[in-house]
Protein backbone atom coordinates (compact mmCIF):
# COMPACT_ATOMS: atom_id res chain seq x y z
CA MET A 1 19.48 -14.23 -9.18
CA GLU A 2 18.76 -10.62 -8.25
CA THR A 3 16.18 -10.16 -5.49
CA VAL A 4 13.13 -8.08 -6.48
CA LYS A 5 11.82 -6.01 -3.58
CA GLN A 6 8.23 -5.48 -2.49
CA LYS A 7 6.85 -2.06 -3.36
CA THR A 8 4.49 0.51 -1.91
CA LEU A 9 3.53 4.12 -2.67
CA LYS A 10 5.96 6.94 -1.89
CA GLY A 11 3.05 9.02 -0.63
CA SER A 12 -0.73 9.14 -0.40
CA PHE A 13 -3.20 10.28 -3.04
CA SER A 14 -6.96 10.76 -3.16
CA LEU A 15 -9.55 10.57 -5.91
CA PHE A 16 -13.06 12.03 -5.79
CA GLY A 17 -16.21 11.00 -7.64
CA LYS A 18 -19.63 9.46 -7.39
CA GLY A 19 -20.43 5.83 -6.78
CA LEU A 20 -21.78 3.84 -9.71
CA HIS A 21 -24.42 2.08 -7.63
CA THR A 22 -25.24 4.68 -4.97
CA GLY A 23 -24.56 7.95 -6.76
CA LEU A 24 -22.96 9.20 -3.51
CA SER A 25 -20.03 11.62 -3.52
CA LEU A 26 -17.05 9.53 -2.48
CA THR A 27 -13.36 9.97 -1.68
CA VAL A 28 -10.93 7.08 -1.92
CA THR A 29 -7.39 7.52 -0.56
CA PHE A 30 -4.44 5.22 -1.26
CA ASN A 31 -1.69 5.16 1.38
CA PRO A 32 1.72 3.51 1.78
CA ALA A 33 1.67 0.33 3.89
CA PRO A 34 4.39 -1.77 5.59
CA GLU A 35 5.86 -4.76 3.78
CA ASN A 36 4.05 -8.11 3.93
CA THR A 37 0.67 -6.52 4.71
CA GLY A 38 -0.85 -6.78 1.23
CA TYR A 39 -3.92 -4.75 0.25
CA LYS A 40 -6.31 -3.55 2.95
CA ILE A 41 -9.48 -1.47 2.59
CA GLN A 42 -10.74 0.70 5.47
CA ARG A 43 -14.25 2.14 5.78
CA ILE A 44 -13.49 5.42 7.56
CA ASP A 45 -17.17 6.43 7.59
CA LEU A 46 -18.11 3.56 9.91
CA GLU A 47 -17.63 3.49 13.67
CA GLY A 48 -14.45 1.66 14.60
CA GLN A 49 -13.11 2.14 11.04
CA PRO A 50 -13.27 -1.58 10.13
CA VAL A 51 -10.49 -2.87 7.86
CA ILE A 52 -11.14 -5.50 5.18
CA ASP A 53 -8.35 -7.73 3.88
CA ALA A 54 -8.58 -7.54 0.10
CA VAL A 55 -8.47 -11.30 -0.50
CA ALA A 56 -10.75 -13.62 -2.46
CA GLU A 57 -12.28 -15.24 0.64
CA ASN A 58 -13.83 -11.88 1.62
CA VAL A 59 -15.71 -11.47 -1.69
CA VAL A 60 -19.46 -11.64 -0.99
CA ASP A 61 -20.98 -10.61 -4.33
CA THR A 62 -19.88 -10.61 -7.97
CA GLN A 63 -23.06 -9.73 -9.83
CA ARG A 64 -22.25 -6.07 -10.54
CA GLY A 65 -18.56 -5.79 -9.79
CA THR A 66 -16.51 -7.33 -7.00
CA VAL A 67 -17.79 -6.71 -3.47
CA LEU A 68 -15.71 -7.26 -0.32
CA ALA A 69 -17.15 -7.46 3.19
CA LYS A 70 -16.09 -8.00 6.78
CA GLY A 71 -18.80 -7.80 9.41
CA GLU A 72 -20.79 -4.62 8.79
CA ALA A 73 -18.14 -3.17 6.51
CA ARG A 74 -18.85 -3.63 2.81
CA VAL A 75 -17.13 -2.10 -0.24
CA SER A 76 -18.11 -2.64 -3.87
CA THR A 77 -16.74 -1.81 -7.34
CA ILE A 78 -13.14 -2.29 -6.17
CA GLU A 79 -11.82 -3.94 -9.33
CA HIS A 80 -10.53 -0.87 -11.20
CA GLY A 81 -8.46 0.43 -8.30
CA MET A 82 -7.15 -3.05 -7.44
CA SER A 83 -6.26 -3.64 -11.09
CA ALA A 84 -4.10 -0.52 -11.16
CA LEU A 85 -2.29 -1.44 -7.93
CA TYR A 86 -1.50 -4.96 -9.12
CA ALA A 87 -0.44 -3.98 -12.62
CA MET A 88 1.81 -1.17 -11.35
CA GLY A 89 3.65 -3.66 -9.13
CA ILE A 90 2.48 -2.33 -5.75
CA ASP A 91 2.41 -5.09 -3.12
CA ASN A 92 1.24 -3.24 0.00
CA CYS A 93 -1.37 -0.48 0.24
CA LEU A 94 -3.95 0.81 2.73
CA ILE A 95 -7.04 2.11 0.92
CA GLN A 96 -9.40 4.36 2.89
CA ILE A 97 -12.88 5.20 1.67
CA ASN A 98 -15.74 7.23 3.10
CA GLY A 99 -18.55 5.09 1.71
CA PRO A 100 -19.69 1.69 0.45
CA GLU A 101 -17.98 1.69 -2.97
CA PHE A 102 -15.06 3.02 -4.97
CA PRO A 103 -16.03 6.00 -7.15
CA ILE A 104 -16.64 5.02 -10.77
CA LEU A 105 -14.55 7.99 -12.05
CA ASP A 106 -14.33 7.71 -15.87
CA GLY A 107 -15.13 3.99 -15.91
CA SER A 108 -11.50 2.96 -16.41
CA ALA A 109 -8.29 2.64 -14.35
CA THR A 110 -6.44 5.56 -15.97
CA MET A 111 -6.93 8.02 -13.12
CA TYR A 112 -5.53 5.50 -10.63
CA VAL A 113 -2.48 4.87 -12.82
CA ASP A 114 -1.86 8.60 -13.30
CA LYS A 115 -1.97 9.24 -9.55
CA ILE A 116 0.34 6.29 -8.81
CA ASN A 117 2.86 7.67 -11.29
CA GLU A 118 2.47 11.12 -9.79
CA VAL A 119 3.23 10.12 -6.16
CA GLY A 120 5.76 7.45 -7.13
CA ILE A 121 6.60 3.93 -6.01
CA VAL A 122 9.28 2.94 -3.49
CA ASP A 123 11.10 -0.34 -2.79
CA GLN A 124 10.66 -1.98 0.61
CA ASN A 125 12.96 -4.24 2.61
CA ALA A 126 11.11 -7.52 2.01
CA PRO A 127 11.61 -9.54 -1.20
CA LYS A 128 8.67 -9.73 -3.62
CA ASP A 129 7.13 -13.16 -3.16
CA TYR A 130 6.07 -14.33 -6.63
CA TYR A 131 3.98 -17.46 -7.02
CA ILE A 132 5.39 -19.24 -10.05
CA ILE A 133 3.00 -21.41 -12.03
CA ARG A 134 4.52 -24.87 -12.60
CA LYS A 135 1.54 -26.70 -14.09
CA LYS A 136 -1.80 -26.06 -15.76
CA ILE A 137 -4.54 -24.92 -13.35
CA GLU A 138 -8.10 -24.46 -14.62
CA ILE A 139 -11.59 -23.71 -13.40
CA LYS A 140 -14.85 -23.87 -15.34
CA ASP A 141 -18.21 -22.28 -14.62
CA LYS A 142 -21.60 -23.76 -15.48
CA ASN A 143 -22.29 -20.94 -17.95
CA GLY A 144 -19.29 -21.94 -20.09
CA SER A 145 -16.72 -19.54 -18.61
CA VAL A 146 -13.22 -20.97 -18.31
CA ILE A 147 -10.05 -19.57 -16.78
CA THR A 148 -6.79 -21.42 -17.33
CA ILE A 149 -3.31 -20.51 -16.14
CA LEU A 150 -0.17 -21.97 -17.68
CA PRO A 151 3.55 -21.66 -16.88
CA ASP A 152 5.22 -18.52 -18.23
CA GLU A 153 8.30 -16.49 -17.33
CA GLN A 154 6.24 -13.38 -16.57
CA PHE A 155 2.63 -12.41 -15.93
CA SER A 156 0.57 -12.28 -19.11
CA ILE A 157 -3.11 -12.58 -19.89
CA THR A 158 -5.44 -13.24 -22.81
CA ALA A 159 -9.23 -12.88 -22.87
CA MET A 160 -11.75 -14.18 -25.39
CA CYS A 161 -15.29 -12.85 -25.12
CA ASN A 162 -18.46 -14.00 -26.86
CA PHE A 163 -21.14 -11.36 -26.25
CA ASP A 164 -24.81 -12.20 -26.45
CA SER A 165 -25.23 -9.61 -29.15
CA LYS A 166 -25.58 -9.35 -32.93
CA PHE A 167 -23.97 -5.91 -32.82
CA ILE A 168 -20.69 -6.94 -31.17
CA SER A 169 -18.95 -10.00 -32.51
CA SER A 170 -16.60 -12.22 -30.56
CA GLN A 171 -13.55 -10.29 -29.39
CA PHE A 172 -9.98 -11.11 -28.40
CA ALA A 173 -7.50 -9.09 -26.33
CA THR A 174 -4.11 -9.86 -24.84
CA LEU A 175 -1.53 -8.31 -22.52
CA ASP A 176 1.89 -9.87 -23.03
CA ASP A 177 3.86 -7.27 -21.09
CA ILE A 178 2.47 -5.86 -17.84
CA ASN A 179 4.60 -2.72 -18.43
CA THR A 180 2.21 -1.73 -21.24
CA TYR A 181 -0.84 -1.85 -18.92
CA ALA A 182 -0.98 1.93 -18.47
CA THR A 183 -1.43 2.60 -22.18
CA GLU A 184 -3.04 -0.60 -23.50
CA ILE A 185 -5.46 -1.68 -20.75
CA ALA A 186 -6.00 0.99 -18.09
CA PRO A 187 -7.93 3.41 -20.41
CA ALA A 188 -10.50 0.73 -21.39
CA ARG A 189 -13.90 1.72 -19.95
CA THR A 190 -16.61 -0.41 -18.44
CA PHE A 191 -19.53 -1.17 -20.76
CA VAL A 192 -23.23 -1.91 -20.58
CA PHE A 193 -26.03 -2.84 -22.99
CA VAL A 194 -29.09 -0.57 -23.16
CA ARG A 195 -31.31 -3.65 -22.69
CA ASP A 196 -29.73 -4.12 -19.24
CA ILE A 197 -29.88 -0.50 -18.10
CA MET A 198 -33.61 -0.25 -17.40
CA PRO A 199 -33.74 -3.20 -14.96
CA LEU A 200 -30.63 -1.83 -13.24
CA LEU A 201 -32.14 1.62 -12.87
CA GLN A 202 -35.39 0.16 -11.59
CA ALA A 203 -33.39 -1.79 -8.99
CA ASN A 204 -31.50 1.39 -7.97
CA LEU A 205 -28.19 -0.23 -8.99
CA ILE A 206 -26.57 2.37 -11.24
CA LYS A 207 -27.51 5.75 -9.76
CA GLY A 208 -24.08 7.10 -10.70
CA GLY A 209 -23.96 5.77 -14.25
CA ASP A 210 -23.97 8.09 -17.24
CA LEU A 211 -22.73 8.38 -20.80
CA ASP A 212 -19.37 9.79 -19.65
CA ASN A 213 -18.15 6.85 -17.57
CA ALA A 214 -19.19 3.84 -19.64
CA ILE A 215 -19.47 2.43 -23.14
CA VAL A 216 -23.22 2.15 -23.77
CA ILE A 217 -24.31 -0.25 -26.50
CA TYR A 218 -27.73 0.16 -28.09
CA GLU A 219 -28.06 -2.96 -30.23
CA GLN A 220 -31.63 -4.22 -29.82
CA GLN A 221 -34.16 -1.66 -31.00
CA VAL A 222 -36.86 -0.62 -28.54
CA SER A 223 -39.81 1.73 -28.90
CA GLN A 224 -39.17 5.46 -28.96
CA GLU A 225 -41.22 5.80 -25.79
CA LYS A 226 -39.01 3.38 -23.87
CA LEU A 227 -35.81 4.99 -25.13
CA ASP A 228 -37.13 8.46 -24.19
CA GLN A 229 -37.97 7.17 -20.72
CA LEU A 230 -34.44 5.80 -20.37
CA ALA A 231 -32.85 9.06 -21.56
CA ASP A 232 -34.89 10.97 -18.98
CA LEU A 233 -33.79 8.62 -16.21
CA LEU A 234 -30.16 9.04 -17.25
CA LYS A 235 -30.69 12.79 -17.61
CA VAL A 236 -29.30 12.87 -21.15
CA PRO A 237 -30.80 14.22 -24.41
CA ARG A 238 -33.36 11.97 -26.06
CA MET A 239 -32.14 9.84 -28.98
CA ASP A 240 -33.67 8.42 -32.16
CA ALA A 241 -34.73 4.81 -31.47
CA ASN A 242 -33.81 3.85 -35.03
CA ASN A 243 -30.09 4.65 -34.59
CA ILE A 244 -28.51 1.38 -33.49
CA GLY A 245 -24.91 1.58 -32.21
CA TYR A 246 -22.72 3.05 -29.50
CA ILE A 247 -24.37 6.00 -27.79
CA GLN A 248 -21.80 7.09 -25.19
CA HIS A 249 -20.29 10.56 -25.47
CA LYS A 250 -16.68 9.46 -26.01
CA PRO A 251 -15.99 7.21 -29.04
CA LEU A 252 -14.30 3.81 -28.75
CA GLN A 253 -10.54 3.92 -28.26
CA TRP A 254 -10.10 0.40 -29.74
CA ASP A 255 -12.46 -1.88 -31.62
CA ASN A 256 -12.00 -4.42 -28.80
CA GLU A 257 -12.22 -1.93 -25.92
CA CYS A 258 -14.91 -4.01 -24.18
CA THR A 259 -12.64 -7.07 -24.05
CA ARG A 260 -9.68 -4.94 -22.98
CA HIS A 261 -11.83 -3.84 -20.05
CA LYS A 262 -12.42 -7.51 -19.28
CA LEU A 263 -8.64 -7.86 -18.99
CA LEU A 264 -8.62 -4.89 -16.62
CA ASP A 265 -11.29 -6.56 -14.46
CA ILE A 266 -9.50 -9.92 -14.42
CA ILE A 267 -6.27 -8.26 -13.24
CA GLY A 268 -8.23 -6.49 -10.50
CA ASP A 269 -9.73 -9.76 -9.32
CA MET A 270 -6.34 -11.52 -9.53
CA ALA A 271 -5.02 -8.91 -7.07
CA LEU A 272 -7.15 -10.71 -4.47
CA ILE A 273 -4.91 -13.79 -4.73
CA GLY A 274 -2.46 -12.06 -2.38
CA LYS A 275 0.73 -12.70 -4.35
CA PRO A 276 2.06 -11.55 -7.71
CA ILE A 277 2.00 -14.37 -10.24
CA LYS A 278 4.32 -15.53 -12.98
CA GLY A 279 2.12 -17.36 -15.47
CA ARG A 280 -0.15 -16.86 -18.49
CA ILE A 281 -3.89 -16.57 -17.87
CA ILE A 282 -6.25 -17.55 -20.69
CA ALA A 283 -9.82 -16.46 -19.94
CA THR A 284 -12.79 -17.55 -22.05
CA ARG A 285 -15.99 -15.59 -21.39
CA PRO A 286 -14.61 -14.13 -18.15
CA GLY A 287 -16.69 -12.39 -15.50
CA HIS A 288 -16.34 -11.46 -11.84
CA THR A 289 -17.95 -14.71 -10.67
CA VAL A 290 -15.55 -17.06 -12.42
CA ASN A 291 -12.67 -14.67 -11.72
CA ASN A 292 -13.31 -14.93 -8.00
CA LYS A 293 -13.66 -18.71 -8.12
CA PHE A 294 -10.29 -18.84 -9.84
CA ALA A 295 -8.72 -16.48 -7.28
CA ARG A 296 -9.98 -18.71 -4.46
CA LEU A 297 -8.59 -21.79 -6.19
CA MET A 298 -5.22 -20.07 -6.57
CA ARG A 299 -5.17 -19.15 -2.88
CA LYS A 300 -5.71 -22.80 -1.98
CA GLU A 301 -2.91 -23.78 -4.34
CA ILE A 302 -0.58 -21.23 -2.76
CA ARG A 303 -1.35 -22.49 0.75
CA LYS A 304 -0.42 -26.02 -0.38
CA HIS A 305 2.94 -24.69 -1.59
CA GLU A 306 3.48 -21.82 0.81
CA VAL A 307 7.22 -21.92 0.14
CA GLN A 308 7.88 -22.74 -3.50
CA ALA A 309 10.72 -24.96 -4.61
CA PRO A 310 13.40 -23.47 -6.89
CA ILE A 311 13.30 -24.30 -10.59
CA TYR A 312 16.08 -26.76 -11.37
CA ASP A 313 17.17 -27.59 -14.90
CA PRO A 314 20.00 -30.19 -14.78
CA ASN A 315 20.94 -29.25 -18.35
CA GLU A 316 22.08 -25.77 -17.33
CA GLU A 317 25.71 -25.09 -16.44
CA PRO A 318 26.06 -24.68 -12.65
CA LEU A 319 27.26 -21.46 -11.11
CA MET A 320 29.62 -23.47 -8.89
CA ASP A 321 30.58 -27.07 -9.58
CA ASN A 322 31.94 -29.66 -7.16
CA ILE A 323 35.54 -28.57 -7.73
CA ARG A 324 34.84 -24.90 -6.96
CA ILE A 325 32.87 -25.85 -3.84
CA ARG A 326 35.87 -27.81 -2.54
CA GLU A 327 38.00 -24.70 -3.02
CA LEU A 328 35.66 -22.66 -0.79
CA LEU A 329 34.57 -25.19 1.84
CA PRO A 330 36.98 -27.18 4.03
CA HIS A 331 34.60 -30.18 4.07
CA ARG A 332 35.68 -33.41 2.39
CA TYR A 333 34.20 -36.86 1.90
CA PRO A 334 31.98 -37.95 3.53
CA MET A 335 30.97 -34.49 4.84
CA GLN A 336 30.81 -32.38 1.68
CA LEU A 337 27.03 -32.22 1.27
CA VAL A 338 26.56 -29.72 -1.59
CA ASP A 339 27.23 -30.96 -5.12
CA LYS A 340 26.68 -27.72 -7.04
CA VAL A 341 25.24 -24.20 -6.86
CA ILE A 342 22.78 -23.27 -9.61
CA ALA A 343 21.90 -19.67 -8.64
CA MET A 344 23.08 -16.97 -6.26
CA GLY A 345 22.20 -13.37 -5.53
CA SER A 346 23.27 -10.82 -2.94
CA THR A 347 21.02 -12.34 -0.27
CA SER A 348 20.13 -15.85 -1.44
CA ILE A 349 21.59 -19.02 -2.92
CA ILE A 350 20.25 -22.25 -4.43
CA GLY A 351 22.26 -25.47 -4.18
CA ILE A 352 21.82 -29.12 -5.14
CA LYS A 353 22.72 -32.49 -3.60
CA ASN A 354 21.99 -35.84 -5.20
CA VAL A 355 21.35 -38.47 -2.54
CA THR A 356 22.54 -41.95 -3.58
CA SER A 357 22.33 -45.35 -1.94
CA ASN A 358 26.14 -45.25 -1.57
CA GLU A 359 26.09 -42.52 1.11
CA PRO A 360 28.15 -43.85 4.05
CA PHE A 361 25.57 -42.84 6.67
CA PHE A 362 23.01 -45.24 5.19
CA GLN A 363 25.11 -48.17 6.49
CA GLY A 364 23.84 -47.50 9.98
CA HIS A 365 20.86 -45.11 9.42
CA PHE A 366 19.15 -47.46 8.75
CA PRO A 367 20.34 -50.63 6.93
CA GLN A 368 16.84 -51.93 6.24
CA GLU A 369 15.25 -48.53 5.63
CA PRO A 370 17.85 -45.91 4.56
CA VAL A 371 16.97 -42.41 5.83
CA MET A 372 19.24 -39.37 5.71
CA PRO A 373 19.87 -38.12 9.27
CA GLY A 374 18.15 -34.83 10.06
CA VAL A 375 21.33 -33.33 11.48
CA LEU A 376 23.05 -33.85 8.11
CA GLN A 377 20.14 -32.18 6.34
CA VAL A 378 20.69 -29.09 8.48
CA GLU A 379 24.44 -29.36 7.88
CA ALA A 380 23.83 -29.41 4.12
CA MET A 381 21.68 -26.26 4.27
CA ALA A 382 24.34 -24.58 6.40
CA GLN A 383 27.09 -25.46 3.94
CA CYS A 384 25.02 -23.90 1.17
CA GLY A 385 24.57 -20.77 3.31
CA GLY A 386 28.31 -20.75 3.97
CA LEU A 387 28.98 -20.60 0.24
CA LEU A 388 26.69 -17.56 0.02
CA VAL A 389 28.48 -15.72 2.81
CA LEU A 390 31.98 -16.65 1.62
CA SER A 391 31.19 -15.37 -1.88
CA GLN A 392 30.90 -11.87 -0.40
CA VAL A 393 34.35 -11.64 1.20
CA GLU A 394 37.75 -11.08 -0.34
CA GLU A 395 39.90 -14.20 -0.70
CA PRO A 396 37.04 -16.55 0.33
CA GLU A 397 39.41 -19.54 0.34
CA ARG A 398 41.02 -18.13 3.50
CA TRP A 399 37.78 -18.10 5.55
CA SER A 400 35.51 -20.69 7.16
CA THR A 401 32.04 -20.59 8.69
CA TYR A 402 31.00 -22.20 11.97
CA PHE A 403 27.59 -22.78 13.59
CA LEU A 404 26.69 -20.56 16.55
CA LYS A 405 22.99 -21.35 16.83
CA ILE A 406 20.23 -23.41 15.18
CA ASP A 407 16.52 -22.58 15.67
CA ASP A 408 13.09 -23.52 14.36
CA VAL A 409 14.17 -26.82 12.81
CA LYS A 410 11.38 -28.78 11.14
CA PHE A 411 11.51 -32.07 9.25
CA ARG A 412 8.45 -32.66 7.08
CA GLN A 413 9.23 -35.90 5.28
CA LYS A 414 11.99 -38.50 4.97
CA VAL A 415 14.96 -38.09 2.65
CA VAL A 416 15.90 -41.39 1.01
CA PRO A 417 18.25 -42.71 -1.71
CA GLY A 418 17.31 -41.36 -5.14
CA ASP A 419 16.14 -37.96 -3.88
CA THR A 420 17.54 -34.78 -5.41
CA LEU A 421 17.77 -32.15 -2.69
CA MET A 422 17.39 -28.47 -3.53
CA PHE A 423 18.51 -25.94 -0.94
CA ARG A 424 17.32 -22.35 -0.81
CA VAL A 425 19.10 -20.28 1.82
CA GLU A 426 18.40 -16.59 2.41
CA LEU A 427 20.19 -14.03 4.58
CA LEU A 428 17.90 -12.63 7.27
CA GLY A 429 19.99 -9.47 7.50
CA PRO A 430 23.38 -8.00 6.62
CA VAL A 431 26.51 -9.75 7.90
CA ARG A 432 27.72 -7.79 10.95
CA HIS A 433 30.96 -8.35 12.85
CA GLY A 434 31.41 -11.66 11.08
CA ILE A 435 28.01 -12.96 12.26
CA SER A 436 25.35 -14.05 9.77
CA SER A 437 21.76 -15.25 10.34
CA MET A 438 20.11 -17.32 7.60
CA LYS A 439 16.88 -19.16 6.83
CA GLY A 440 17.24 -22.42 4.94
CA TYR A 441 14.70 -24.58 3.14
CA MET A 442 15.30 -28.00 1.62
CA PHE A 443 13.07 -29.39 -1.11
CA VAL A 444 12.44 -32.69 -2.83
CA GLY A 445 10.39 -31.98 -5.93
CA GLU A 446 7.81 -29.33 -5.03
CA HIS A 447 7.73 -30.20 -1.33
CA VAL A 448 9.59 -28.67 1.60
CA VAL A 449 11.21 -31.59 3.45
CA ALA A 450 13.19 -29.59 6.04
CA GLU A 451 13.76 -26.04 7.19
CA ALA A 452 15.85 -24.27 9.80
CA THR A 453 17.08 -20.88 10.93
CA PHE A 454 20.75 -20.76 11.83
CA THR A 455 23.43 -18.30 12.84
CA ALA A 456 27.04 -18.71 11.74
CA GLN A 457 30.33 -16.96 12.37
CA ILE A 458 32.87 -16.24 9.65
CA VAL A 459 36.41 -16.91 10.87
CA LYS A 460 39.69 -16.38 9.04
CA ASN A 461 41.68 -19.61 8.73
CA LYS A 462 44.91 -19.90 10.73
């Protein structure tokens, strides 16, 4: 059970370009950030340099890209940059921008990925806090869009798009391995239909759009006069109105490039959940609106299970069984409170205890309503932590651990006969001078039933 660390950039990088909606010249700079801060966006052109937390609750518009706002500060078209950060495994980043939107660049996420690779990524001290999907979660929109997430060992995503077009048929795209994002998804450009461009131009919404930073699809014939007018507005050469097809300067990279870009957008919007996810997303007719609704739903789900229970498969062989635990711990019946250890890393351990009606403490606590005493729950977590610490010393059978201090104890629900307790204990820092501080959680099912912080001393047996 190796601990994966949070990551940030090794250094800063900047990208320059015009805004899709405003046409303004913009500079966006990505900077390293401390662990556990997540993604933050700072408007450095505004007085007071307001900072926006890049989370789903701060999304205020999804009609033409994802727009975040806090007070007077507002930033749009963030999805390509956020997609690159999330897919490249960066957990913490401060993004500074001198205007109201990210530059459109080439319409993809490639330039972000290239810059991230150029400056490099560095591990941080805090563990990466994955949210692991344990059950199906789904949200549907009134226009028929559906996003479903299912359990999976890693993050993966599939999109199915049904375009309102005779020129483009239904498309399918999938990303099974996030490590292929840079080559398979990041280069996919944003796209637009010619029938939608004129209203957007008239509403001053795509002042920075051109045939270099988007796939432009001309699939419903219009009069030559209208197409000439559009070409003049875009400041491109006039085209023959009879030539239906793709009219951007750069040809398609894949037949399903439009749907690959949908995957890029979904990943960018999933970055606003605030935690990396292990699960498979299946998106049918995705768009920024349903993406954001799903991200908000996921944030609610995460708050309900702020600390996730370990995954326990009783069919798997334990790392330590009852016999090995007795060799390491001096405790004996009725005080040996860990039955087996199922996982252990350099800084964390997961243990199991099956609570039966035959526990001796139930005779007096309480005969009519058996409840496991809270002090024994803390003792059980501490024993599990002791096994972690003892596993890191030579001749562990010759050492014992003793409580020095217990803090921040919380009991959230009763432990009763029939419960299977799962302990997750993590070191809060390196063991120094025989002193170790640990944080312990105890779970029944998916719920935290107790937690405590404790300090122990490792003493060599006489």
